[in-house]
Amino acid sequence: MSISEVYQVPNTQITGGQALIEALIANGADYAFGVPGESYLAALDAFHDAEDSLKFITCRHEAGAANMAEAYGKMTGKPGICFVTRGPGATHGTIGLHTAFQDSTPMIMFIGQVAADQVEREAFQEIDYRRFLSEVTKWTAEINDASRISEYVGRAFRVATSGRPGPVALALPEDMLREMCAKQAQIPYTPNRAHPGATDMAELKRLLEGAERPLVMLGGSGWTKEAVDQVEAFAENNNLPVTVSFRCQDRFNNNHPNYIGDMGIGANPALIKRMKDADVLLVLGPRLGEMTTGGYERLSVPVPEKTLIHMHQGAEELGRVYHPTLAINATPVTIAPLLADMKLAGNEKWAASTAEARKAYEAWTTPTDNPGDVKIASLYAHMRETLPADSIFCNGAGNYAAWLHRFYRYRDFPTQLAPTSGAMGYGVPAAIAAKIVNPSKTVVACAGDGCFMMSAMELATAARYGANVIFLVFNNGMYGTIRMHQERDYPTRVSATELTNPDFVKLAESFGAFATRVEKTEDFASALDAAHKCGKPALIEIMVDQEAIGPTATLSGLRARK
């Protein structure tokens, strides 16, 4: 039955809710993540007749829905679609907008809104989203005329994907969604991508050929598997060492001989020194933010003491903090093909240095010991040796992630979903979205006990949609990152960082998931194998000694330094 037959109106007339869903489908949306709300019932009704084309994933919290949409945007390069209701729904979902903004991820959030005749009365759950969300979106607007839905939605897709990608929010007054309007013309969006000029590429080549100690850094958004492969060929053909920015480790095959590690939190000291000593730094994609630059200290501000070639999608980001010798406004997919065939004169002189940097990376990623019966580095060494190369790893924020970033090796793109915004609670919903969109791939969510409990309710979403994620919960009974800083600055004065946890195995089983507990390193391999084969969501609780606060630190060691 057609939508027009359901409403018994002429084919030329549809509701605003129907027009909205038609506009989304016309622009290629295939999933929407959300929590239903009374403020956008007309849109939910339109979803009913479009479920074969646009599937609505019902989540248990708006933060989870927003994080799923953001993760979708990271994986696909298309805007992740999120629906939340007004007031509390929007405020809960704001975390996903913040992550999308800082991570340059395309995303569109649709927010139910009060009816037009209630505006400016502080009606039930009323917020002016254009003011409220101005700091975490590229553009926020309210659609007050149903006949303009196609215009607004088309613009939202283009804004979210053009220049520096990011989030957009559109408020939907409930009376507007019920309003009748004519069917609207649709032209699917195409991103507006900046391209490097011939002069840019010639100067890039000249500067690199004059280098004695070059270093390439990859990161940011806008990558595709093809672009990753093309830059890999560029590095290989020219003996160039390659690092990546914070939580962008899947931009280059970590097993490739030219890969030398990630420049994030807890980076290899040898790698940090190499970046400081480089005379030419080619940066493709990252903004060079606080985490990548170690609080803006690994490179001097505003003029680095080296030649900086900086390529970024957003023209406004070039020279914002660091003044480059050469600024190139381009995207990974427009510059990568030009680099793939570039041959730099004299590149042979860099081969030995690159090989030396690779040896330092391999030594840095050799598993280390830690206090307790579970050796965390060994778990990741096992996973990097046994899981498929296209396995997707997701995490939120916490000291537990330091082991993942250091000891796991990403070998394909896209396989890393992690917030450069440092948001806790991200890994679980991100993994669920990844598994829904990629049901044949292995998807692993890594979370500390504090991080996991911020989105544990989404186990229900995983169960409902058969998202058979493997959830690893590293349980040390505390907020580890804050405890680390606490012991460093105020040793033995523990305050607010201890946690009381549920029985995670029983909790997961109550959702119908497979669950087991690992208390010794040697128990992990069989637990992972069982989780992989169980055919449903699986949770492995991993008991971690509180002393194991980081790969190179212990709590008692931090206290002793004070």
Protein backbone atom coordinates (compact mmCIF):
# COMPACT_ATOMS: atom_id res chain seq x y z
CA MET A 1 0.00 0.00 0.00
CA SER A 2 1.34 3.42 -0.94
CA ILE A 3 1.69 6.33 1.46
CA SER A 4 -0.94 8.30 -0.48
CA GLU A 5 -3.43 5.42 -0.16
CA VAL A 6 -2.86 5.25 3.60
CA TYR A 7 -3.72 8.91 3.99
CA GLN A 8 -6.36 8.91 1.24
CA VAL A 9 -5.11 12.14 -0.27
CA PRO A 10 -4.24 12.96 -3.89
CA ASN A 11 -0.85 11.71 -5.07
CA THR A 12 0.39 15.29 -5.18
CA GLN A 13 -0.22 15.86 -1.46
CA ILE A 14 1.78 14.32 1.38
CA THR A 15 2.49 15.17 5.00
CA GLY A 16 5.63 16.93 6.13
CA GLY A 17 6.67 13.69 7.82
CA GLN A 18 6.38 11.84 4.52
CA ALA A 19 8.28 14.57 2.69
CA LEU A 20 11.06 14.30 5.24
CA ILE A 21 11.48 10.55 4.84
CA GLU A 22 11.32 10.85 1.05
CA ALA A 23 14.07 13.49 1.17
CA LEU A 24 16.26 11.26 3.32
CA ILE A 25 15.85 8.29 1.01
CA ALA A 26 16.51 10.45 -2.04
CA ASN A 27 19.82 11.47 -0.51
CA GLY A 28 20.90 7.89 0.10
CA ALA A 29 20.05 7.41 3.78
CA ASP A 30 19.56 3.74 4.62
CA TYR A 31 19.69 3.73 8.45
CA ALA A 32 18.42 6.12 11.09
CA PHE A 33 19.26 5.70 14.77
CA GLY A 34 17.00 7.15 17.39
CA VAL A 35 14.66 7.04 20.36
CA PRO A 36 11.00 7.62 19.44
CA GLY A 37 9.27 10.74 20.69
CA GLU A 38 5.80 12.23 20.54
CA SER A 39 7.18 15.40 18.97
CA TYR A 40 7.89 13.67 15.65
CA LEU A 41 5.10 11.09 15.45
CA ALA A 42 4.26 12.07 11.87
CA ALA A 43 7.82 11.23 10.81
CA LEU A 44 7.69 7.90 12.66
CA ASP A 45 4.45 7.14 10.85
CA ALA A 46 6.16 7.80 7.53
CA PHE A 47 8.99 5.45 8.50
CA HIS A 48 6.36 2.69 8.70
CA ASP A 49 5.90 2.66 4.94
CA ALA A 50 9.57 3.13 4.11
CA GLU A 51 11.18 0.47 6.30
CA ASP A 52 12.45 -1.49 3.29
CA SER A 53 14.46 1.55 2.17
CA LEU A 54 15.24 3.37 5.42
CA LYS A 55 15.49 1.28 8.57
CA PHE A 56 14.89 2.94 11.95
CA ILE A 57 17.12 1.44 14.67
CA THR A 58 15.38 1.92 18.03
CA CYS A 59 17.93 2.68 20.75
CA ARG A 60 17.57 2.81 24.51
CA HIS A 61 19.14 6.22 25.13
CA GLU A 62 19.62 9.25 22.91
CA ALA A 63 23.36 9.35 23.66
CA GLY A 64 23.61 5.81 22.30
CA ALA A 65 21.58 6.74 19.23
CA ALA A 66 23.74 9.78 18.54
CA ASN A 67 26.95 7.79 18.98
CA MET A 68 25.65 5.12 16.61
CA ALA A 69 24.88 7.76 13.99
CA GLU A 70 28.33 9.28 14.45
CA ALA A 71 29.96 5.86 14.09
CA TYR A 72 27.96 5.27 10.90
CA GLY A 73 29.34 8.54 9.52
CA LYS A 74 32.89 7.50 10.38
CA MET A 75 32.50 4.12 8.69
CA THR A 76 30.75 5.20 5.50
CA GLY A 77 31.64 8.84 4.89
CA LYS A 78 27.90 9.47 4.53
CA PRO A 79 26.00 11.48 7.12
CA GLY A 80 24.85 9.36 10.04
CA ILE A 81 21.16 10.03 10.69
CA CYS A 82 19.82 10.44 14.22
CA PHE A 83 16.28 11.20 15.47
CA VAL A 84 15.63 12.49 18.97
CA THR A 85 12.68 14.13 20.64
CA ARG A 86 12.70 17.67 21.95
CA GLY A 87 14.24 18.88 25.22
CA PRO A 88 15.72 15.94 27.16
CA GLY A 89 16.08 13.89 23.98
CA ALA A 90 18.13 16.59 22.29
CA THR A 91 20.25 17.32 25.34
CA HIS A 92 21.03 13.62 25.79
CA GLY A 93 21.99 13.37 22.13
CA THR A 94 24.29 16.37 22.18
CA ILE A 95 27.27 14.17 23.09
CA GLY A 96 27.14 12.62 19.61
CA LEU A 97 27.12 16.05 18.00
CA HIS A 98 30.15 17.09 20.03
CA THR A 99 32.06 13.97 18.98
CA ALA A 100 31.05 14.44 15.34
CA PHE A 101 32.18 18.07 15.46
CA GLN A 102 35.59 17.36 17.00
CA ASP A 103 36.11 14.25 14.85
CA SER A 104 34.95 15.96 11.62
CA THR A 105 32.29 13.31 11.04
CA PRO A 106 29.28 13.92 8.76
CA MET A 107 26.06 13.57 10.75
CA ILE A 108 22.52 14.99 10.75
CA MET A 109 20.38 15.08 13.86
CA PHE A 110 16.63 15.61 13.51
CA ILE A 111 15.01 16.99 16.63
CA GLY A 112 11.32 17.11 17.43
CA GLN A 113 10.15 20.61 18.33
CA VAL A 114 7.12 22.29 19.86
CA ALA A 115 4.36 23.49 17.57
CA ALA A 116 4.61 26.98 16.07
CA ASP A 117 1.84 28.42 18.24
CA GLN A 118 3.79 27.48 21.39
CA VAL A 119 7.15 29.05 20.53
CA GLU A 120 8.72 31.47 23.06
CA ARG A 121 6.37 30.38 25.85
CA GLU A 122 8.81 27.94 27.41
CA ALA A 123 6.42 25.24 26.37
CA PHE A 124 6.91 21.63 27.44
CA GLN A 125 10.54 20.71 26.66
CA GLU A 126 11.03 23.77 24.44
CA ILE A 127 14.58 24.81 23.47
CA ASP A 128 15.81 27.17 20.78
CA TYR A 129 18.21 24.76 19.10
CA ARG A 130 19.76 27.40 16.86
CA ARG A 131 21.26 29.00 19.96
CA PHE A 132 21.71 25.85 22.04
CA LEU A 133 23.64 23.82 19.45
CA SER A 134 25.65 26.56 17.77
CA GLU A 135 28.92 25.37 19.35
CA VAL A 136 28.61 21.71 18.33
CA THR A 137 27.21 21.89 14.80
CA LYS A 138 28.23 23.35 11.46
CA TRP A 139 24.66 24.51 10.92
CA THR A 140 21.46 24.32 12.97
CA ALA A 141 18.08 25.32 11.58
CA GLU A 142 14.36 24.84 12.10
CA ILE A 143 12.00 23.85 9.30
CA ASN A 144 8.81 25.87 9.72
CA ASP A 145 7.31 25.26 6.28
CA ALA A 146 6.73 21.69 5.09
CA SER A 147 7.06 22.77 1.47
CA ARG A 148 10.75 23.58 2.11
CA ILE A 149 11.74 20.21 3.57
CA SER A 150 13.59 19.05 0.47
CA GLU A 151 15.53 22.32 0.42
CA TYR A 152 16.61 22.05 4.06
CA VAL A 153 17.44 18.35 3.95
CA GLY A 154 19.46 18.69 0.75
CA ARG A 155 21.40 21.55 2.27
CA ALA A 156 21.98 19.57 5.46
CA PHE A 157 23.58 16.69 3.54
CA ARG A 158 25.79 19.09 1.61
CA VAL A 159 26.90 21.08 4.65
CA ALA A 160 27.63 17.89 6.62
CA THR A 161 29.89 16.47 3.90
CA SER A 162 31.55 19.52 2.34
CA GLY A 163 34.68 21.33 3.45
CA ARG A 164 35.56 20.06 6.90
CA PRO A 165 32.78 17.46 7.46
CA GLY A 166 30.70 17.70 10.60
CA PRO A 167 27.26 17.59 12.20
CA VAL A 168 24.09 19.45 11.28
CA ALA A 169 20.90 19.67 13.34
CA LEU A 170 17.39 20.33 12.02
CA ALA A 171 14.48 21.02 14.37
CA LEU A 172 11.08 19.70 13.29
CA PRO A 173 8.02 21.48 14.75
CA GLU A 174 5.36 18.82 15.26
CA ASP A 175 2.63 20.81 13.46
CA MET A 176 4.93 21.25 10.45
CA LEU A 177 5.36 17.48 10.20
CA ARG A 178 1.57 17.04 10.10
CA GLU A 179 1.11 19.80 7.54
CA MET A 180 0.09 18.79 4.02
CA CYS A 181 2.35 19.80 1.17
CA ALA A 182 3.05 19.00 -2.47
CA LYS A 183 5.56 16.30 -3.28
CA GLN A 184 8.99 17.85 -3.62
CA ALA A 185 11.69 17.45 -6.20
CA GLN A 186 14.89 15.80 -5.01
CA ILE A 187 18.44 15.80 -6.38
CA PRO A 188 20.78 13.54 -4.38
CA TYR A 189 23.62 15.46 -2.76
CA THR A 190 27.22 15.33 -3.85
CA PRO A 191 29.94 16.53 -1.46
CA ASN A 192 31.83 19.67 -2.43
CA ARG A 193 35.46 18.51 -2.32
CA ALA A 194 38.46 20.77 -2.60
CA HIS A 195 41.19 19.69 -5.03
CA PRO A 196 44.90 20.45 -4.89
CA GLY A 197 46.29 22.50 -7.76
CA ALA A 198 49.25 21.64 -9.96
CA THR A 199 51.27 24.36 -8.23
CA ASP A 200 50.47 22.81 -4.82
CA MET A 201 51.69 19.40 -5.90
CA ALA A 202 54.83 20.75 -7.55
CA GLU A 203 55.77 22.67 -4.40
CA LEU A 204 55.00 19.64 -2.20
CA LYS A 205 57.34 17.57 -4.34
CA ARG A 206 60.08 20.22 -4.24
CA LEU A 207 59.94 20.58 -0.47
CA LEU A 208 60.01 16.82 0.14
CA GLU A 209 62.91 16.29 -2.24
CA GLY A 210 64.92 18.80 -0.24
CA ALA A 211 64.31 16.96 3.02
CA GLU A 212 66.90 15.05 5.02
CA ARG A 213 64.50 13.77 7.69
CA PRO A 214 60.95 13.75 6.24
CA LEU A 215 57.92 12.41 8.10
CA VAL A 216 54.39 11.82 6.81
CA MET A 217 51.40 12.05 9.15
CA LEU A 218 47.93 10.82 8.19
CA GLY A 219 44.62 11.35 9.96
CA GLY A 220 41.35 13.22 10.03
CA SER A 221 38.20 12.21 8.18
CA GLY A 222 37.31 11.87 4.51
CA TRP A 223 39.38 8.76 3.81
CA THR A 224 38.40 5.77 1.70
CA LYS A 225 40.09 2.40 1.35
CA GLU A 226 41.30 3.42 -2.10
CA ALA A 227 42.85 6.65 -0.77
CA VAL A 228 44.57 4.71 2.03
CA ASP A 229 46.01 2.28 -0.52
CA GLN A 230 47.20 5.13 -2.74
CA VAL A 231 49.04 6.91 0.08
CA GLU A 232 50.51 3.56 1.11
CA ALA A 233 51.91 3.21 -2.42
CA PHE A 234 53.32 6.76 -2.23
CA ALA A 235 55.13 6.01 1.02
CA GLU A 236 56.40 2.65 -0.21
CA ASN A 237 57.67 4.03 -3.53
CA ASN A 238 59.57 6.79 -1.75
CA ASN A 239 60.85 5.10 1.44
CA LEU A 240 58.89 7.54 3.58
CA PRO A 241 58.12 6.87 7.27
CA VAL A 242 54.42 7.23 8.13
CA THR A 243 52.78 8.05 11.43
CA VAL A 244 49.11 8.73 12.18
CA SER A 245 47.30 11.19 14.40
CA PHE A 246 45.39 10.35 17.59
CA ARG A 247 42.91 7.51 17.07
CA CYS A 248 43.42 7.41 13.31
CA GLN A 249 45.49 4.22 13.24
CA ASP A 250 43.52 2.56 10.45
CA ARG A 251 44.66 5.18 7.89
CA PHE A 252 47.71 3.01 7.13
CA ASN A 253 48.35 -0.73 7.41
CA ASN A 254 50.13 -1.11 10.75
CA ASN A 255 51.98 -4.18 9.42
CA HIS A 256 53.45 -2.22 6.52
CA PRO A 257 57.24 -1.68 6.80
CA ASN A 258 56.79 2.10 6.37
CA TYR A 259 54.40 2.43 9.32
CA ILE A 260 56.15 3.67 12.47
CA GLY A 261 53.36 4.22 15.02
CA ASP A 262 50.64 6.58 16.20
CA MET A 263 51.18 10.09 17.47
CA GLY A 264 48.57 10.12 20.24
CA ILE A 265 48.39 9.91 24.00
CA GLY A 266 51.24 7.81 25.35
CA ALA A 267 53.08 7.81 22.03
CA ASN A 268 56.42 6.09 21.67
CA PRO A 269 59.10 8.54 22.95
CA ALA A 270 61.29 7.57 19.98
CA LEU A 271 58.46 8.54 17.62
CA ILE A 272 57.91 11.86 19.39
CA LYS A 273 61.61 12.61 19.03
CA ARG A 274 61.47 11.69 15.35
CA MET A 275 58.64 14.16 14.78
CA LYS A 276 60.50 16.90 16.65
CA ASP A 277 63.67 16.19 14.65
CA ALA A 278 61.95 16.00 11.24
CA ASP A 279 62.92 18.81 8.89
CA VAL A 280 59.87 18.35 6.62
CA LEU A 281 56.53 17.23 8.01
CA LEU A 282 53.82 16.31 5.48
CA VAL A 283 50.45 16.29 7.28
CA LEU A 284 47.56 14.80 5.29
CA GLY A 285 44.21 15.28 7.02
CA PRO A 286 44.70 15.93 10.74
CA ARG A 287 43.97 19.31 12.34
CA LEU A 288 47.08 18.88 14.53
CA GLY A 289 45.02 19.08 17.70
CA GLU A 290 45.99 18.89 21.36
CA MET A 291 46.24 15.09 21.67
CA THR A 292 48.33 14.65 18.53
CA THR A 293 50.73 17.47 19.41
CA GLY A 294 51.04 16.64 23.12
CA GLY A 295 49.38 19.82 24.32
CA TYR A 296 50.78 21.79 21.37
CA GLU A 297 54.33 21.11 22.61
CA ARG A 298 55.58 18.58 20.06
CA LEU A 299 55.44 21.36 17.48
CA SER A 300 56.08 25.00 18.36
CA VAL A 301 53.15 27.43 18.00
CA PRO A 302 52.46 29.22 15.73
CA VAL A 303 55.47 28.58 13.51
CA PRO A 304 56.95 25.07 13.74
CA GLU A 305 60.73 24.80 13.67
CA LYS A 306 60.52 22.79 10.48
CA THR A 307 58.93 22.88 7.06
CA LEU A 308 55.24 22.06 7.50
CA ILE A 309 53.15 20.97 4.52
CA HIS A 310 49.57 20.85 5.77
CA MET A 311 46.67 19.46 3.76
CA HIS A 312 43.19 19.77 5.23
CA GLN A 313 39.62 19.67 3.94
CA GLY A 314 38.62 22.89 5.67
CA ALA A 315 40.34 26.03 4.41
CA GLU A 316 39.62 27.69 7.76
CA GLU A 317 41.74 25.07 9.56
CA LEU A 318 44.89 25.82 7.57
CA GLY A 319 46.98 28.19 9.66
CA ARG A 320 44.46 28.23 12.50
CA VAL A 321 47.07 27.08 15.06
CA TYR A 322 50.15 26.14 13.07
CA HIS A 323 51.34 28.35 10.21
CA PRO A 324 52.39 26.01 7.41
CA THR A 325 55.10 26.58 4.83
CA LEU A 326 52.68 25.15 2.30
CA ALA A 327 48.91 25.01 2.91
CA ILE A 328 46.87 22.77 0.65
CA ASN A 329 43.08 22.86 0.75
CA ALA A 330 42.17 19.37 -0.45
CA THR A 331 40.70 16.08 0.75
CA PRO A 332 42.31 12.67 1.16
CA VAL A 333 40.44 11.35 -1.88
CA THR A 334 41.50 14.23 -4.13
CA ILE A 335 45.19 14.33 -3.19
CA ALA A 336 45.87 10.59 -2.77
CA PRO A 337 45.71 9.70 -6.50
CA LEU A 338 48.22 12.45 -7.26
CA LEU A 339 50.59 11.15 -4.61
CA ALA A 340 50.31 7.50 -5.62
CA ASP A 341 52.35 8.01 -8.80
CA MET A 342 54.75 10.63 -7.41
CA LYS A 343 58.40 9.62 -7.45
CA LEU A 344 60.69 11.76 -5.32
CA ALA A 345 64.28 12.21 -6.46
CA GLY A 346 66.85 10.95 -3.98
CA ASN A 347 64.38 8.97 -1.87
CA GLU A 348 66.92 6.18 -1.42
CA LYS A 349 68.62 8.17 1.32
CA TRP A 350 65.55 7.79 3.58
CA ALA A 351 65.32 3.99 3.43
CA ALA A 352 67.67 3.22 6.31
CA SER A 353 66.07 5.81 8.63
CA THR A 354 62.59 4.47 7.86
CA ALA A 355 63.70 0.91 8.59
CA GLU A 356 65.20 2.08 11.88
CA ALA A 357 61.91 3.79 12.82
CA ARG A 358 60.00 0.63 11.97
CA LYS A 359 62.21 -1.42 14.29
CA ALA A 360 61.51 1.07 17.08
CA TYR A 361 57.76 0.64 16.47
CA GLU A 362 57.99 -3.15 16.56
CA ALA A 363 59.93 -3.00 19.82
CA TRP A 364 57.38 -0.58 21.29
CA THR A 365 54.49 -2.91 20.40
CA THR A 366 56.11 -6.04 21.81
CA PRO A 367 53.83 -7.12 24.70
CA THR A 368 54.84 -5.86 28.11
CA ASP A 369 54.09 -7.13 31.59
CA ASN A 370 51.67 -5.55 34.06
CA PRO A 371 50.63 -6.30 37.65
CA GLY A 372 47.94 -8.95 38.09
CA ASP A 373 47.07 -12.28 36.53
CA VAL A 374 45.78 -10.80 33.25
CA LYS A 375 48.50 -9.42 30.98
CA ILE A 376 46.54 -6.98 28.87
CA ALA A 377 49.15 -6.49 26.13
CA SER A 378 49.17 -10.24 25.52
CA LEU A 379 45.42 -10.20 24.90
CA TYR A 380 45.81 -7.67 22.10
CA ALA A 381 48.79 -9.54 20.69
CA HIS A 382 46.57 -12.61 20.52
CA MET A 383 43.76 -10.70 18.79
CA ARG A 384 46.04 -9.09 16.22
CA GLU A 385 47.34 -12.55 15.32
CA THR A 386 44.02 -14.40 15.22
CA LEU A 387 41.21 -12.02 14.21
CA PRO A 388 40.54 -11.15 10.55
CA ALA A 389 42.30 -8.07 9.16
CA ASP A 390 38.95 -6.36 8.53
CA SER A 391 37.81 -6.72 12.17
CA ILE A 392 36.42 -3.45 13.51
CA PHE A 393 37.59 -2.28 16.94
CA CYS A 394 35.63 0.34 18.86
CA ASN A 395 36.41 2.09 22.12
CA GLY A 396 35.45 5.06 24.25
CA ALA A 397 37.78 6.81 26.67
CA GLY A 398 39.84 5.56 29.58
CA ASN A 399 43.26 4.19 30.43
CA TYR A 400 42.18 0.75 29.22
CA ALA A 401 42.41 2.14 25.66
CA ALA A 402 46.16 2.75 26.00
CA TRP A 403 46.80 -0.98 25.59
CA LEU A 404 44.51 -1.18 22.55
CA HIS A 405 46.20 1.74 20.81
CA ARG A 406 49.69 0.46 21.54
CA PHE A 407 49.48 -3.29 21.09
CA TYR A 408 46.76 -3.94 18.49
CA ARG A 409 47.57 -3.47 14.81
CA TYR A 410 45.02 -2.14 12.34
CA ARG A 411 45.47 -3.65 8.89
CA ASP A 412 42.47 -2.44 6.89
CA PHE A 413 40.21 0.58 6.50
CA PRO A 414 37.79 1.40 8.06
CA THR A 415 38.45 -0.70 11.15
CA GLN A 416 38.87 1.82 13.99
CA LEU A 417 35.94 3.64 15.59
CA ALA A 418 37.18 5.78 18.45
CA PRO A 419 36.37 9.35 19.54
CA THR A 420 39.16 11.88 19.24
CA SER A 421 36.81 13.97 21.41
CA GLY A 422 37.67 11.64 24.30
CA ALA A 423 34.04 10.71 25.00
CA MET A 424 33.31 7.90 27.44
CA GLY A 425 30.49 5.52 26.58
CA TYR A 426 31.21 5.62 22.84
CA GLY A 427 32.58 2.15 22.13
CA VAL A 428 29.47 0.07 22.87
CA PRO A 429 26.99 1.96 20.64
CA ALA A 430 29.63 2.48 17.95
CA ALA A 431 30.24 -1.26 17.81
CA ILE A 432 26.52 -1.99 17.57
CA ALA A 433 26.17 0.38 14.63
CA ALA A 434 29.23 -1.14 12.98
CA LYS A 435 27.84 -4.67 13.31
CA ILE A 436 24.38 -3.69 12.04
CA VAL A 437 25.93 -2.12 8.93
CA ASN A 438 28.61 -4.84 8.52
CA PRO A 439 26.97 -8.05 9.78
CA SER A 440 29.62 -10.34 8.27
CA LYS A 441 32.58 -8.63 9.97
CA THR A 442 34.00 -9.26 13.42
CA VAL A 443 33.28 -6.25 15.61
CA VAL A 444 34.89 -5.80 19.03
CA ALA A 445 33.92 -3.16 21.59
CA CYS A 446 36.60 -2.40 24.17
CA ALA A 447 35.46 -0.63 27.32
CA GLY A 448 36.54 -0.05 30.88
CA ASP A 449 34.00 -0.76 33.58
CA GLY A 450 33.27 2.96 33.92
CA CYS A 451 33.02 3.49 30.17
CA PHE A 452 30.83 0.41 29.66
CA MET A 453 28.26 1.42 32.25
CA MET A 454 27.64 4.70 30.45
CA SER A 455 26.02 2.79 27.59
CA ALA A 456 25.29 -0.69 28.99
CA MET A 457 21.60 -0.26 28.24
CA GLU A 458 22.38 -0.57 24.52
CA LEU A 459 22.97 -4.30 25.02
CA ALA A 460 19.21 -4.38 24.52
CA THR A 461 19.67 -2.79 21.09
CA ALA A 462 22.33 -5.34 20.19
CA ALA A 463 20.01 -8.17 21.22
CA ARG A 464 17.01 -6.75 19.36
CA TYR A 465 18.83 -6.37 16.05
CA GLY A 466 21.12 -9.37 16.26
CA ALA A 467 24.23 -7.19 16.42
CA ASN A 468 26.61 -9.91 17.51
CA VAL A 469 29.35 -7.71 18.87
CA ILE A 470 32.10 -9.04 21.15
CA PHE A 471 32.14 -6.70 24.15
CA LEU A 472 35.37 -6.69 26.19
CA VAL A 473 34.89 -5.10 29.61
CA PHE A 474 38.14 -4.36 31.43
CA ASN A 475 37.08 -4.24 35.07
CA ASN A 476 39.39 -2.61 37.60
CA GLY A 477 36.66 -1.14 39.82
CA MET A 478 37.53 2.52 39.27
CA TYR A 479 37.63 5.45 36.90
CA GLY A 480 41.21 4.63 35.92
CA THR A 481 42.26 7.76 34.04
CA ILE A 482 41.11 10.12 36.78
CA ARG A 483 42.61 7.85 39.45
CA MET A 484 45.92 7.99 37.60
CA HIS A 485 45.92 11.79 37.64
CA GLN A 486 44.71 11.75 41.25
CA GLU A 487 47.57 9.54 42.43
CA ARG A 488 50.06 11.60 40.47
CA ASP A 489 48.95 14.97 41.90
CA TYR A 490 47.37 13.96 45.24
CA PRO A 491 48.88 10.57 46.13
CA THR A 492 46.86 8.25 48.40
CA ARG A 493 44.02 10.83 48.64
CA VAL A 494 41.46 8.77 46.73
CA SER A 495 38.25 10.69 46.13
CA ALA A 496 35.23 9.85 43.91
CA THR A 497 37.06 7.42 41.62
CA GLU A 498 36.14 4.05 43.21
CA LEU A 499 33.26 2.18 41.54
CA THR A 500 30.68 -0.40 42.60
CA ASN A 501 29.87 -2.60 39.64
CA PRO A 502 27.23 -5.18 38.81
CA ASP A 503 28.10 -8.74 37.93
CA PHE A 504 28.80 -8.04 34.26
CA VAL A 505 28.40 -11.69 33.27
CA LYS A 506 24.92 -11.91 34.79
CA LEU A 507 24.02 -8.51 33.38
CA ALA A 508 24.90 -9.57 29.84
CA GLU A 509 23.14 -12.91 30.24
CA SER A 510 19.98 -11.11 31.30
CA PHE A 511 19.91 -9.53 27.82
CA GLY A 512 20.28 -12.95 26.23
CA ALA A 513 23.98 -12.54 25.45
CA PHE A 514 26.77 -15.07 25.88
CA ALA A 515 29.03 -14.01 28.75
CA THR A 516 32.11 -15.23 30.56
CA ARG A 517 34.79 -13.91 32.88
CA VAL A 518 38.57 -14.00 32.37
CA GLU A 519 40.78 -13.87 35.44
CA LYS A 520 44.00 -15.21 33.92
CA THR A 521 45.74 -14.49 30.62
CA GLU A 522 45.65 -18.12 29.53
CA ASP A 523 41.82 -18.17 29.77
CA PHE A 524 41.33 -15.43 27.17
CA ALA A 525 41.93 -17.36 23.93
CA SER A 526 39.18 -19.90 24.63
CA ALA A 527 36.81 -17.18 25.84
CA LEU A 528 37.35 -15.16 22.66
CA ASP A 529 36.86 -18.23 20.49
CA ALA A 530 33.60 -19.07 22.26
CA ALA A 531 32.39 -15.47 21.92
CA HIS A 532 33.26 -15.50 18.24
CA LYS A 533 31.31 -18.71 17.59
CA CYS A 534 28.27 -18.21 19.83
CA GLY A 535 26.06 -16.57 17.21
CA LYS A 536 24.78 -13.79 19.47
CA PRO A 537 26.10 -10.75 21.34
CA ALA A 538 28.92 -11.79 23.64
CA LEU A 539 30.55 -10.15 26.64
CA ILE A 540 33.90 -11.05 28.17
CA GLU A 541 34.59 -9.49 31.54
CA ILE A 542 38.34 -9.15 32.05
CA MET A 543 39.53 -8.69 35.62
CA VAL A 544 42.31 -6.10 35.80
CA ASP A 545 44.50 -5.37 38.82
CA GLN A 546 44.15 -1.75 39.95
CA GLU A 547 47.93 -1.45 40.03
CA ALA A 548 47.91 -1.86 36.22
CA ILE A 549 47.05 1.77 35.55
CA GLY A 550 48.89 1.97 32.23
CA PRO A 551 51.27 0.03 29.97
CA THR A 552 54.26 1.77 31.56
CA ALA A 553 52.88 2.89 34.93
CA THR A 554 51.53 1.52 38.22
CA LEU A 555 49.57 3.26 40.95
CA SER A 556 52.30 2.71 43.51
CA GLY A 557 54.87 4.00 41.06
CA LEU A 558 52.87 7.19 40.54
CA ARG A 559 52.64 7.74 44.29
CA ALA A 560 56.38 7.29 44.67
CA ARG A 561 57.16 10.00 42.11
CA LYS A 562 55.47 12.76 44.12
